[in-house]
Protein backbone atom coordinates (compact mmCIF):
# COMPACT_ATOMS: atom_id res chain seq x y z
CA UNK A 1 -51.06 0.39 123.13
CA UNK A 2 -48.34 2.59 124.28
CA UNK A 3 -46.90 3.09 127.79
CA UNK A 4 -45.51 6.67 128.61
CA UNK A 5 -42.49 6.37 130.87
CA UNK A 6 -42.39 8.78 134.00
CA UNK A 7 -40.20 11.13 132.22
CA UNK A 8 -42.82 12.31 129.85
CA UNK A 9 -45.53 14.68 130.40
CA UNK A 10 -48.55 12.80 131.62
CA UNK A 11 -50.78 15.06 129.38
CA UNK A 12 -49.36 13.36 126.25
CA UNK A 13 -51.92 10.59 127.13
CA UNK A 14 -54.75 12.81 126.43
CA UNK A 15 -53.04 14.16 123.33
CA UNK A 16 -52.42 10.67 121.90
CA UNK A 17 -56.06 9.70 122.37
CA UNK A 18 -56.91 12.66 120.12
CA UNK A 19 -54.79 11.03 117.46
CA UNK A 20 -56.74 7.77 118.15
CA UNK A 21 -53.65 6.23 119.98
CA UNK A 22 -54.57 4.18 123.40
CA UNK A 23 -51.62 5.09 125.86
CA UNK A 24 -51.18 4.94 129.70
CA UNK A 25 -48.49 6.32 131.93
CA UNK A 26 -46.18 4.36 133.99
CA UNK A 27 -47.35 6.67 136.97
CA UNK A 28 -50.94 5.56 136.29
CA UNK A 29 -49.92 2.09 136.67
CA UNK A 30 -47.83 2.39 139.86
CA UNK A 31 -44.88 1.48 137.63
CA UNK A 32 -42.41 4.58 137.91
CA UNK A 33 -40.13 2.95 140.26
CA UNK A 34 -39.51 -0.22 138.05
CA UNK A 35 -36.16 -0.70 136.47
CA UNK A 36 -36.06 -0.52 132.69
CA UNK A 37 -35.53 -4.26 132.45
CA UNK A 38 -38.55 -4.96 134.58
CA UNK A 39 -40.57 -2.19 133.37
CA UNK A 40 -40.45 -4.01 129.65
CA UNK A 41 -41.58 -7.43 131.33
CA UNK A 42 -44.62 -5.62 133.13
CA UNK A 43 -45.41 -3.80 130.08
CA UNK A 44 -45.29 -6.90 127.81
CA UNK A 45 -47.35 -8.69 130.36
CA UNK A 46 -49.92 -6.06 130.41
CA UNK A 47 -50.40 -6.12 126.77
CA UNK A 48 -48.68 -2.92 125.81
CA UNK A 49 -46.69 -3.15 122.37
CA UNK A 50 -44.35 0.03 123.04
CA UNK A 51 -42.77 2.08 125.85
CA UNK A 52 -42.16 5.63 124.94
CA UNK A 53 -39.38 7.55 126.78
CA UNK A 54 -37.09 10.47 126.81
CA UNK A 55 -34.37 8.48 128.50
CA UNK A 56 -31.56 7.59 125.95
CA UNK A 57 -30.00 5.40 128.51
CA UNK A 58 -33.10 3.15 128.46
CA UNK A 59 -32.33 1.48 125.23
CA UNK A 60 -28.99 0.03 126.77
CA UNK A 61 -30.43 -1.18 129.85
CA UNK A 62 -33.52 -2.74 127.98
CA UNK A 63 -31.88 -4.30 125.28
CA UNK A 64 -31.49 -7.85 127.13
CA UNK A 65 -35.38 -7.32 127.91
CA UNK A 66 -36.40 -6.84 124.17
CA UNK A 67 -34.46 -9.70 123.01
CA UNK A 68 -36.86 -11.87 125.59
CA UNK A 69 -39.83 -9.93 124.58
CA UNK A 70 -39.11 -9.19 120.76
CA UNK A 71 -42.63 -7.88 120.27
CA UNK A 72 -41.93 -5.22 122.17
CA UNK A 73 -40.59 -1.83 121.05
CA UNK A 74 -38.77 1.34 122.58
CA UNK A 75 -39.09 4.41 121.26
CA UNK A 76 -36.88 7.42 122.39
CA UNK A 77 -38.37 10.72 122.13
CA UNK A 78 -35.90 13.42 121.01
CA UNK A 79 -38.13 16.67 121.75
CA UNK A 80 -36.73 19.41 124.16
CA UNK A 81 -38.44 19.21 127.46
CA UNK A 82 -40.37 22.45 127.65
CA UNK A 83 -43.53 23.82 129.53
CA UNK A 84 -46.66 21.57 128.36
CA UNK A 85 -48.21 24.13 125.87
CA UNK A 86 -45.07 24.51 124.02
CA UNK A 87 -43.95 20.91 124.32
CA UNK A 88 -47.81 19.78 123.36
CA UNK A 89 -47.83 21.88 119.94
CA UNK A 90 -43.88 20.87 119.07
CA UNK A 91 -45.15 17.06 119.60
CA UNK A 92 -48.42 17.68 117.66
CA UNK A 93 -46.37 19.19 114.89
CA UNK A 94 -43.99 16.08 114.95
CA UNK A 95 -46.79 13.79 115.26
CA UNK A 96 -48.22 15.34 111.82
CA UNK A 97 -45.22 15.07 110.04
CA UNK A 98 -44.56 11.46 110.87
CA UNK A 99 -46.51 9.63 113.70
CA UNK A 100 -44.72 7.31 116.11
CA UNK A 101 -44.54 3.64 114.42
CA UNK A 102 -42.98 1.54 117.00
CA UNK A 103 -40.68 -1.31 115.56
CA UNK A 104 -41.12 -4.61 117.39
CA UNK A 105 -37.88 -5.59 118.88
CA UNK A 106 -35.97 -2.26 118.38
CA UNK A 107 -35.06 0.78 119.95
CA UNK A 108 -35.93 3.82 117.72
CA UNK A 109 -35.61 7.28 117.99
CA UNK A 110 -38.60 10.06 117.33
CA UNK A 111 -39.10 12.57 115.30
């Protein structure tokens, strides 16, 4: 299961469901104020396998947490922020070309 950070459109949850991927948002969980290391810990304890975010600095601060929870992954989405419809189509096209494949214990960028 994927956790969408608060800086991603919450509508991605429904789009990922279309692709057969279970996802929730930090807002839905009430976790939008958790600091990065605490978010990794909470996500791990709740059974998430990866956190998807746009925050490039997340990688730096979450690196220590990944050592503690090596089965977790962080994926940095590099798509430009746009209106939802445009963003959805860009995300869909990128997913069809190469879906997100979280790498446990690592920070990766997508697409």
